[in-house]
Protein backbone atom coordinates (compact mmCIF):
# COMPACT_ATOMS: atom_id res chain seq x y z
CA UNK A 1 -76.49 32.83 12.42
CA UNK A 2 -75.71 33.75 8.51
CA UNK A 3 -73.18 35.90 9.81
CA UNK A 4 -71.17 33.30 11.89
CA UNK A 5 -71.32 31.17 8.71
CA UNK A 6 -69.78 34.28 6.32
CA UNK A 7 -67.09 34.47 9.03
CA UNK A 8 -66.13 30.97 9.15
CA UNK A 9 -65.81 30.72 5.09
CA UNK A 10 -63.51 34.04 5.16
CA UNK A 11 -61.40 32.82 8.16
CA UNK A 12 -60.90 29.28 5.88
CA UNK A 13 -60.22 30.98 2.75
CA UNK A 14 -57.70 33.26 4.75
CA UNK A 15 -56.15 29.99 6.28
CA UNK A 16 -55.95 28.84 2.71
CA UNK A 17 -54.58 31.54 1.39
CA UNK A 18 -51.77 31.81 3.97
CA UNK A 19 -51.07 28.09 3.74
CA UNK A 20 -50.49 28.65 0.15
CA UNK A 21 -48.26 31.66 0.07
CA UNK A 22 -46.05 29.89 3.02
CA UNK A 23 -45.50 27.04 0.73
CA UNK A 24 -45.10 29.38 -2.24
CA UNK A 25 -41.94 30.97 -0.14
CA UNK A 26 -40.55 27.69 1.79
CA UNK A 27 -39.87 25.99 -1.59
CA UNK A 28 -37.35 28.11 -3.54
CA UNK A 29 -36.19 28.44 0.43
CA UNK A 30 -35.31 24.36 0.20
CA UNK A 31 -34.62 24.32 -3.38
CA UNK A 32 -31.41 27.20 -2.79
CA UNK A 33 -30.89 25.15 0.16
CA UNK A 34 -30.03 22.38 -2.26
CA UNK A 35 -28.09 24.22 -4.91
CA UNK A 36 -25.62 25.62 -1.98
CA UNK A 37 -25.22 21.72 -0.92
CA UNK A 38 -24.68 20.69 -4.25
CA UNK A 39 -21.70 23.93 -5.07
CA UNK A 40 -20.23 22.89 -1.92
CA UNK A 41 -20.25 19.41 -2.98
CA UNK A 42 -18.64 20.31 -6.28
CA UNK A 43 -15.69 22.36 -4.66
CA UNK A 44 -15.14 19.52 -1.97
CA UNK A 45 -14.76 16.83 -4.87
CA UNK A 46 -12.05 19.14 -6.57
CA UNK A 47 -9.97 19.41 -3.28
CA UNK A 48 -10.95 16.14 -2.19
CA UNK A 49 -7.10 16.15 -0.87
CA UNK A 50 -7.71 19.22 1.59
CA UNK A 51 -10.59 17.52 3.16
CA UNK A 52 -8.07 14.89 4.58
CA UNK A 53 -7.07 15.21 8.40
CA UNK A 54 -4.02 14.09 10.09
CA UNK A 55 -3.85 12.46 13.48
CA UNK A 56 -1.44 10.67 15.67
CA UNK A 57 -2.94 7.44 14.33
CA UNK A 58 -3.07 8.20 10.74
CA UNK A 59 -4.71 10.04 7.85
CA UNK A 60 -8.74 10.52 7.58
CA UNK A 61 -11.14 11.32 5.01
CA UNK A 62 -15.08 12.61 5.70
CA UNK A 63 -17.45 11.24 3.92
CA UNK A 64 -19.39 13.57 1.40
CA UNK A 65 -22.69 13.28 -0.56
CA UNK A 66 -22.02 11.09 -3.10
CA UNK A 67 -19.15 9.44 -2.18
CA UNK A 68 -18.28 5.52 -2.62
CA UNK A 69 -15.66 3.32 -1.58
CA UNK A 70 -14.76 2.66 -4.96
CA UNK A 71 -14.21 6.42 -5.85
CA UNK A 72 -12.25 7.03 -2.62
CA UNK A 73 -10.14 4.38 -4.07
CA UNK A 74 -9.46 5.77 -7.18
CA UNK A 75 -8.96 9.21 -5.76
CA UNK A 76 -6.21 8.41 -2.83
CA UNK A 77 -4.80 4.97 -4.21
CA UNK A 78 -4.70 5.82 -7.78
CA UNK A 79 -7.00 2.52 -8.74
CA UNK A 80 -10.70 1.22 -7.73
CA UNK A 81 -9.63 -2.04 -7.12
CA UNK A 82 -7.98 -1.68 -3.79
CA UNK A 83 -11.15 -0.19 -2.61
CA UNK A 84 -11.49 -3.86 -0.58
CA UNK A 85 -8.29 -2.91 1.32
CA UNK A 86 -10.26 0.64 2.29
CA UNK A 87 -13.41 -0.97 3.30
CA UNK A 88 -10.68 -3.70 5.46
CA UNK A 89 -8.98 -0.68 7.26
CA UNK A 90 -12.34 0.63 8.51
CA UNK A 91 -14.77 -2.01 10.79
CA UNK A 92 -16.94 0.73 11.28
CA UNK A 93 -18.68 -0.03 7.61
CA UNK A 94 -20.94 -2.92 7.78
CA UNK A 95 -21.55 -2.75 3.99
CA UNK A 96 -18.72 -1.18 1.76
CA UNK A 97 -21.83 -0.35 -0.53
CA UNK A 98 -23.34 1.69 1.89
CA UNK A 99 -21.12 4.82 3.35
CA UNK A 100 -22.85 8.28 4.51
CA UNK A 101 -22.42 11.45 4.56
CA UNK A 102 -20.07 12.64 7.99
CA UNK A 103 -18.65 8.98 8.10
CA UNK A 104 -15.01 9.18 9.06
CA UNK A 105 -12.38 6.75 6.96
CA UNK A 106 -8.87 6.04 7.82
CA UNK A 107 -7.14 6.19 4.91
CA UNK A 108 -3.82 5.51 5.99
CA UNK A 109 -2.30 3.79 9.55
CA UNK A 110 0.25 5.35 11.04
CA UNK A 111 0.86 2.47 13.67
CA UNK A 112 1.15 -0.96 13.39
CA UNK A 113 -2.44 -2.35 14.20
CA UNK A 114 -2.20 -5.39 12.55
CA UNK A 115 1.23 -6.75 12.74
CA UNK A 116 1.12 -9.33 9.72
CA UNK A 117 -0.85 -6.25 7.55
CA UNK A 118 2.40 -3.66 8.57
CA UNK A 119 4.88 -5.71 9.99
CA UNK A 120 7.40 -3.56 12.08
CA UNK A 121 11.05 -4.82 10.90
CA UNK A 122 12.54 -6.67 13.97
CA UNK A 123 16.67 -6.08 14.29
CA UNK A 124 18.40 -9.10 15.63
CA UNK A 125 22.21 -9.35 15.90
CA UNK A 126 24.17 -12.30 15.21
CA UNK A 127 27.10 -12.80 17.47
CA UNK A 128 30.01 -15.72 16.66
CA UNK A 129 31.69 -16.54 19.61
CA UNK A 130 35.59 -17.26 19.40
CA UNK A 131 36.02 -20.93 19.83
CA UNK A 132 37.12 -22.21 23.60
CA UNK A 133 41.17 -22.22 23.87
CA UNK A 134 41.91 -26.09 25.41
CA UNK A 135 45.56 -26.53 27.05
CA UNK A 136 46.58 -28.57 30.14
CA UNK A 137 46.45 -27.94 33.43
CA UNK A 138 50.01 -28.09 34.27
CA UNK A 139 50.87 -26.19 30.96
CA UNK A 140 49.08 -22.88 30.63
CA UNK A 141 51.31 -20.56 28.44
CA UNK A 142 51.69 -16.83 28.55
CA UNK A 143 49.06 -15.83 26.17
CA UNK A 144 50.08 -12.36 24.01
CA UNK A 145 47.04 -10.62 21.52
CA UNK A 146 48.57 -12.31 18.08
CA UNK A 147 47.48 -15.59 19.93
CA UNK A 148 43.86 -14.61 20.85
CA UNK A 149 41.39 -15.71 17.94
CA UNK A 150 39.43 -12.86 16.81
CA UNK A 151 35.95 -13.33 16.36
CA UNK A 152 33.98 -12.64 13.61
CA UNK A 153 32.50 -9.22 12.93
CA UNK A 154 28.98 -8.94 14.00
CA UNK A 155 25.86 -8.73 11.25
CA UNK A 156 22.35 -7.84 11.56
CA UNK A 157 19.15 -9.91 10.08
CA UNK A 158 15.62 -7.98 10.02
CA UNK A 159 12.83 -10.17 10.44
CA UNK A 160 9.77 -9.44 8.11
CA UNK A 161 6.68 -11.33 8.25
CA UNK A 162 4.87 -10.69 5.94
CA UNK A 163 7.83 -11.52 3.16
CA UNK A 164 5.79 -13.67 1.34
CA UNK A 165 2.99 -10.79 0.20
CA UNK A 166 5.68 -8.06 -1.12
CA UNK A 167 5.39 -7.72 -4.74
CA UNK A 168 7.63 -6.66 -7.89
CA UNK A 169 8.23 -5.01 -10.87
CA UNK A 170 9.18 -7.00 -13.93
CA UNK A 171 9.82 -5.69 -17.37
CA UNK A 172 7.57 -8.06 -18.75
CA UNK A 173 4.71 -9.43 -17.23
CA UNK A 174 4.98 -13.44 -16.25
CA UNK A 175 3.42 -16.00 -17.85
CA UNK A 176 0.54 -17.51 -15.31
CA UNK A 177 0.08 -21.49 -14.52
CA UNK A 178 -3.18 -20.86 -14.59
CA UNK A 179 -6.36 -18.26 -13.64
CA UNK A 180 -9.13 -18.00 -11.31
CA UNK A 181 -12.48 -18.38 -13.44
CA UNK A 182 -15.17 -19.26 -10.58
CA UNK A 183 -15.31 -18.98 -6.98
CA UNK A 184 -17.46 -21.57 -4.92
CA UNK A 185 -21.23 -20.07 -3.79
CA UNK A 186 -20.26 -17.01 -6.23
CA UNK A 187 -18.65 -15.03 -3.51
CA UNK A 188 -17.75 -11.10 -3.52
CA UNK A 189 -15.19 -11.48 -1.61
CA UNK A 190 -12.75 -14.11 -1.49
CA UNK A 191 -10.82 -14.97 1.44
CA UNK A 192 -9.02 -18.08 3.65
CA UNK A 193 -10.77 -21.44 3.75
CA UNK A 194 -12.87 -20.14 0.44
CA UNK A 195 -12.92 -23.13 -2.40
CA UNK A 196 -11.73 -21.62 -6.06
CA UNK A 197 -11.69 -23.04 -9.69
CA UNK A 198 -8.67 -22.48 -11.48
CA UNK A 199 -8.17 -23.29 -15.29
CA UNK A 200 -5.24 -25.51 -16.31
CA UNK A 201 -2.55 -24.56 -18.30
CA UNK A 202 -2.20 -27.25 -21.17
CA UNK A 203 1.81 -27.06 -20.69
CA UNK A 204 1.81 -27.52 -16.97
CA UNK A 205 -0.51 -29.48 -15.04
CA UNK A 206 -1.88 -28.61 -11.48
CA UNK A 207 -0.68 -30.98 -8.73
CA UNK A 208 -2.92 -31.57 -5.54
CA UNK A 209 -0.68 -30.61 -2.71
CA UNK A 210 0.62 -28.11 -4.71
CA UNK A 211 1.05 -24.33 -3.44
CA UNK A 212 0.41 -21.08 -6.02
CA UNK A 213 0.60 -17.43 -5.29
CA UNK A 214 -2.17 -15.83 -6.55
CA UNK A 215 -1.26 -12.48 -8.17
CA UNK A 216 -2.07 -9.79 -10.43
CA UNK A 217 -1.21 -7.36 -13.00
CA UNK A 218 -1.06 -4.06 -13.17
CA UNK A 219 -1.09 -1.00 -15.76
CA UNK A 220 1.93 -0.72 -17.04
CA UNK A 221 4.18 1.80 -14.96
CA UNK A 222 6.08 5.06 -16.71
CA UNK A 223 8.52 7.44 -14.96
CA UNK A 224 6.85 10.18 -14.10
CA UNK A 225 9.36 13.10 -15.07
CA UNK A 226 11.39 10.80 -18.44
CA UNK A 227 8.18 8.89 -19.94
CA UNK A 228 10.04 5.93 -19.76
CA UNK A 229 8.49 2.72 -19.03
CA UNK A 230 9.18 1.09 -16.06
CA UNK A 231 7.88 -1.97 -16.21
CA UNK A 232 4.79 -4.31 -14.79
CA UNK A 233 3.38 -4.46 -11.06
CA UNK A 234 2.85 -7.91 -9.97
CA UNK A 235 0.89 -7.30 -6.34
CA UNK A 236 0.50 -10.63 -4.55
CA UNK A 237 -3.50 -11.51 -3.38
CA UNK A 238 -3.07 -14.44 -1.53
CA UNK A 239 -1.96 -18.32 -1.40
CA UNK A 240 -3.68 -21.49 -2.32
CA UNK A 241 -3.31 -24.62 -2.68
CA UNK A 242 -4.81 -27.35 -4.85
CA UNK A 243 -6.96 -29.98 -3.65
CA UNK A 244 -8.49 -31.90 -6.58
CA UNK A 245 -8.27 -31.99 -10.15
CA UNK A 246 -9.97 -32.46 -13.41
CA UNK A 247 -9.53 -32.27 -17.09
CA UNK A 248 -9.34 -28.63 -17.92
CA UNK A 249 -9.53 -27.49 -14.50
CA UNK A 250 -8.52 -27.45 -11.05
CA UNK A 251 -9.94 -27.15 -7.64
CA UNK A 252 -7.97 -24.58 -4.59
CA UNK A 253 -8.39 -23.84 -1.43
CA UNK A 254 -7.14 -20.19 -0.48
CA UNK A 255 -4.59 -20.71 2.58
CA UNK A 256 -3.74 -17.31 2.87
CA UNK A 257 -4.98 -14.25 2.02
CA UNK A 258 -3.17 -10.75 1.50
CA UNK A 259 -5.92 -9.26 -0.16
CA UNK A 260 -9.05 -9.52 -1.96
CA UNK A 261 -8.91 -12.29 -4.66
CA UNK A 262 -10.86 -12.42 -7.61
CA UNK A 263 -12.01 -13.77 -10.39
CA UNK A 264 -9.25 -13.86 -13.34
CA UNK A 265 -6.37 -13.32 -10.79
CA UNK A 266 -3.62 -15.70 -11.72
CA UNK A 267 -1.32 -18.03 -10.19
CA UNK A 268 2.63 -18.92 -10.65
CA UNK A 269 4.36 -21.59 -7.94
CA UNK A 270 4.50 -20.66 -4.57
CA UNK A 271 8.00 -20.47 -3.41
CA UNK A 272 8.87 -20.35 0.31
CA UNK A 273 11.45 -16.59 1.11
CA UNK A 274 12.77 -16.45 4.10
CA UNK A 275 11.68 -13.78 6.63
CA UNK A 276 15.00 -13.16 7.50
CA UNK A 277 16.72 -10.52 5.92
CA UNK A 278 20.66 -10.45 6.20
CA UNK A 279 22.35 -6.61 5.85
CA UNK A 280 24.47 -6.18 3.35
CA UNK A 281 26.97 -3.35 2.91
CA UNK A 282 24.98 -0.65 0.43
CA UNK A 283 25.79 0.24 -3.03
CA UNK A 284 28.43 3.22 -2.98
CA UNK A 285 27.88 6.39 -4.70
CA UNK A 286 23.93 4.78 -5.81
CA UNK A 287 21.54 7.69 -6.60
CA UNK A 288 18.21 6.42 -7.47
CA UNK A 289 14.02 7.15 -6.77
CA UNK A 290 11.23 6.00 -5.51
CA UNK A 291 9.32 4.85 -8.32
CA UNK A 292 5.46 4.40 -6.15
CA UNK A 293 4.05 2.67 -3.24
CA UNK A 294 2.97 -1.21 -3.77
CA UNK A 295 -0.40 -0.22 -2.91
CA UNK A 296 -0.51 2.90 -5.10
CA UNK A 297 -0.91 5.26 -1.41
CA UNK A 298 -1.06 8.88 -2.42
CA UNK A 299 0.31 9.12 1.17
CA UNK A 300 3.70 7.95 1.58
CA UNK A 301 4.84 7.20 5.02
CA UNK A 302 6.50 4.93 7.42
CA UNK A 303 5.80 1.37 7.12
CA UNK A 304 4.70 1.46 3.64
CA UNK A 305 6.32 -0.86 0.93
CA UNK A 306 7.30 0.97 -2.18
CA UNK A 307 9.57 0.13 -5.14
CA UNK A 308 12.75 2.15 -6.60
CA UNK A 309 14.45 2.37 -10.09
CA UNK A 310 17.56 0.38 -9.24
CA UNK A 311 18.09 -3.23 -8.93
CA UNK A 312 20.13 -6.39 -9.53
CA UNK A 313 22.38 -4.69 -12.23
CA UNK A 314 22.88 -1.80 -10.05
CA UNK A 315 24.58 -4.15 -7.57
CA UNK A 316 20.98 -3.39 -5.11
CA UNK A 317 20.49 -5.99 -2.90
CA UNK A 318 18.19 -7.58 0.20
CA UNK A 319 19.22 -6.10 3.25
CA UNK A 320 21.33 -3.01 2.37
CA UNK A 321 19.78 0.45 3.55
CA UNK A 322 19.44 3.81 1.98
CA UNK A 323 18.55 7.00 2.43
CA UNK A 324 15.47 9.14 1.27
CA UNK A 325 16.38 12.99 0.45
CA UNK A 326 15.54 16.26 -1.10
CA UNK A 327 17.97 19.04 -2.59
CA UNK A 328 16.80 22.73 -2.47
CA UNK A 329 18.26 24.88 -5.50
CA UNK A 330 18.95 28.55 -5.29
CA UNK A 331 20.53 31.81 -6.91
CA UNK A 332 23.35 33.40 -5.55
CA UNK A 333 21.74 36.92 -5.56
CA UNK A 334 19.86 38.57 -7.57
CA UNK A 335 21.94 39.28 -10.85
CA UNK A 336 22.10 35.31 -10.90
CA UNK A 337 20.31 33.08 -13.48
CA UNK A 338 21.50 29.63 -12.79
CA UNK A 339 20.60 27.68 -9.65
CA UNK A 340 23.15 25.66 -8.06
CA UNK A 341 22.15 22.81 -5.24
CA UNK A 342 22.26 23.39 -1.76
CA UNK A 343 22.99 20.83 0.76
CA UNK A 344 21.40 17.52 0.88
CA UNK A 345 18.55 16.91 3.45
CA UNK A 346 18.04 13.19 4.47
CA UNK A 347 14.46 13.11 5.51
CA UNK A 348 13.63 9.20 5.74
CA UNK A 349 15.64 5.56 5.42
CA UNK A 350 14.49 2.67 3.82
CA UNK A 351 15.69 -1.21 3.44
CA UNK A 352 15.48 -3.44 0.48
CA UNK A 353 13.44 -6.58 0.92
CA UNK A 354 13.51 -8.38 -2.98
CA UNK A 355 15.35 -7.19 -5.83
CA UNK A 356 14.75 -7.66 -9.52
CA UNK A 357 17.13 -6.97 -12.95
CA UNK A 358 16.20 -3.23 -12.71
CA UNK A 359 14.01 -2.35 -10.18
CA UNK A 360 13.96 -3.47 -6.12
CA UNK A 361 10.84 -3.54 -3.38
CA UNK A 362 11.53 -1.27 -0.75
CA UNK A 363 10.24 -1.05 2.98
CA UNK A 364 10.34 2.46 4.35
CA UNK A 365 11.42 2.32 8.04
CA UNK A 366 11.23 5.56 8.82
CA UNK A 367 10.38 9.62 7.60
CA UNK A 368 9.58 12.39 9.16
CA UNK A 369 7.48 14.06 6.27
CA UNK A 370 5.58 12.84 3.41
CA UNK A 371 6.99 10.91 0.75
CA UNK A 372 6.20 11.43 -2.72
CA UNK A 373 7.23 9.29 -6.14
CA UNK A 374 9.98 10.52 -7.54
CA UNK A 375 11.51 11.31 -4.00
CA UNK A 376 15.13 10.76 -4.45
CA UNK A 377 17.56 8.04 -2.93
CA UNK A 378 20.66 7.62 -1.71
CA UNK A 379 24.42 5.35 -0.35
CA UNK A 380 23.89 6.12 3.74
CA UNK A 381 25.90 8.53 4.58
CA UNK A 382 28.87 7.54 6.64
């Protein structure tokens, strides 16, 4: 009996020693796996743009450990404050504060899923018919080519339903009529139908029934090549209507929301723009470049709103077309030191939506390659 008990004790000791050794072996293995994961994450964070996958429907990114919509917006839009747009483009994300490794996020859409968000420009020819010729039945004159009235030339107009959301760059920031200082129920995401409280400018009181465009000014923009100051971007966020006023503030209801509206966003009087843009003759000999996409997209493609460094002083008008091109340089022979420009290659087309004094807002109609800030534009070739 004693021998059996001794054997049992020995078995238990051997068993516990084995468990202990296995635990020691397992611990460094799990630690190295964690270190390996951390190292891979460091690599992916430094090459985050290489993780983007292009498909027929757009550009996608797979979430890594530690990613947030705030950081991804900073990486792909150059500003973290556009994270609500990233969230709205990915309906599979229920809570914007909770994203998980392995989730696939759409960064940029190719197709027009929401017509108002990324509207297509529709061409509508306008034809003016010649007035009818009235003659007496008995006396029908023999008509010559000179007597036939000439019809007016056919012109085109373009429909852009989202014209009210088109922002702009000004040399100086606009003076606001007021700003939002509180949201009813302290909502984080403000949308159509929500109630906001607006401070009143002493010089211009807000009246019930008045409509105002909500906007936000972004950081000053400088030319990436020369460093020259360009201006202040005004990002349009929505439209509100004043419902009631008090001595120092007004109450307004959001009637249209283009993007996430927040506290401290500013108001200017709403001016209705026509969604029909008449085609204009392009300015001859114009050379310019694209400054940046309106939403600061890192990936600029077709159906994107952007800014160019030419405006009213350069003869640019809404409805004008311009081409997007690149032009390589090369040496003639190995002995030559100087590079000469080669033929220009047209790879995209844009139309002007809005003009300011030295800049314009444009809509990229088509492109067969990625457009970068600084891409050149020119008058279309006949």
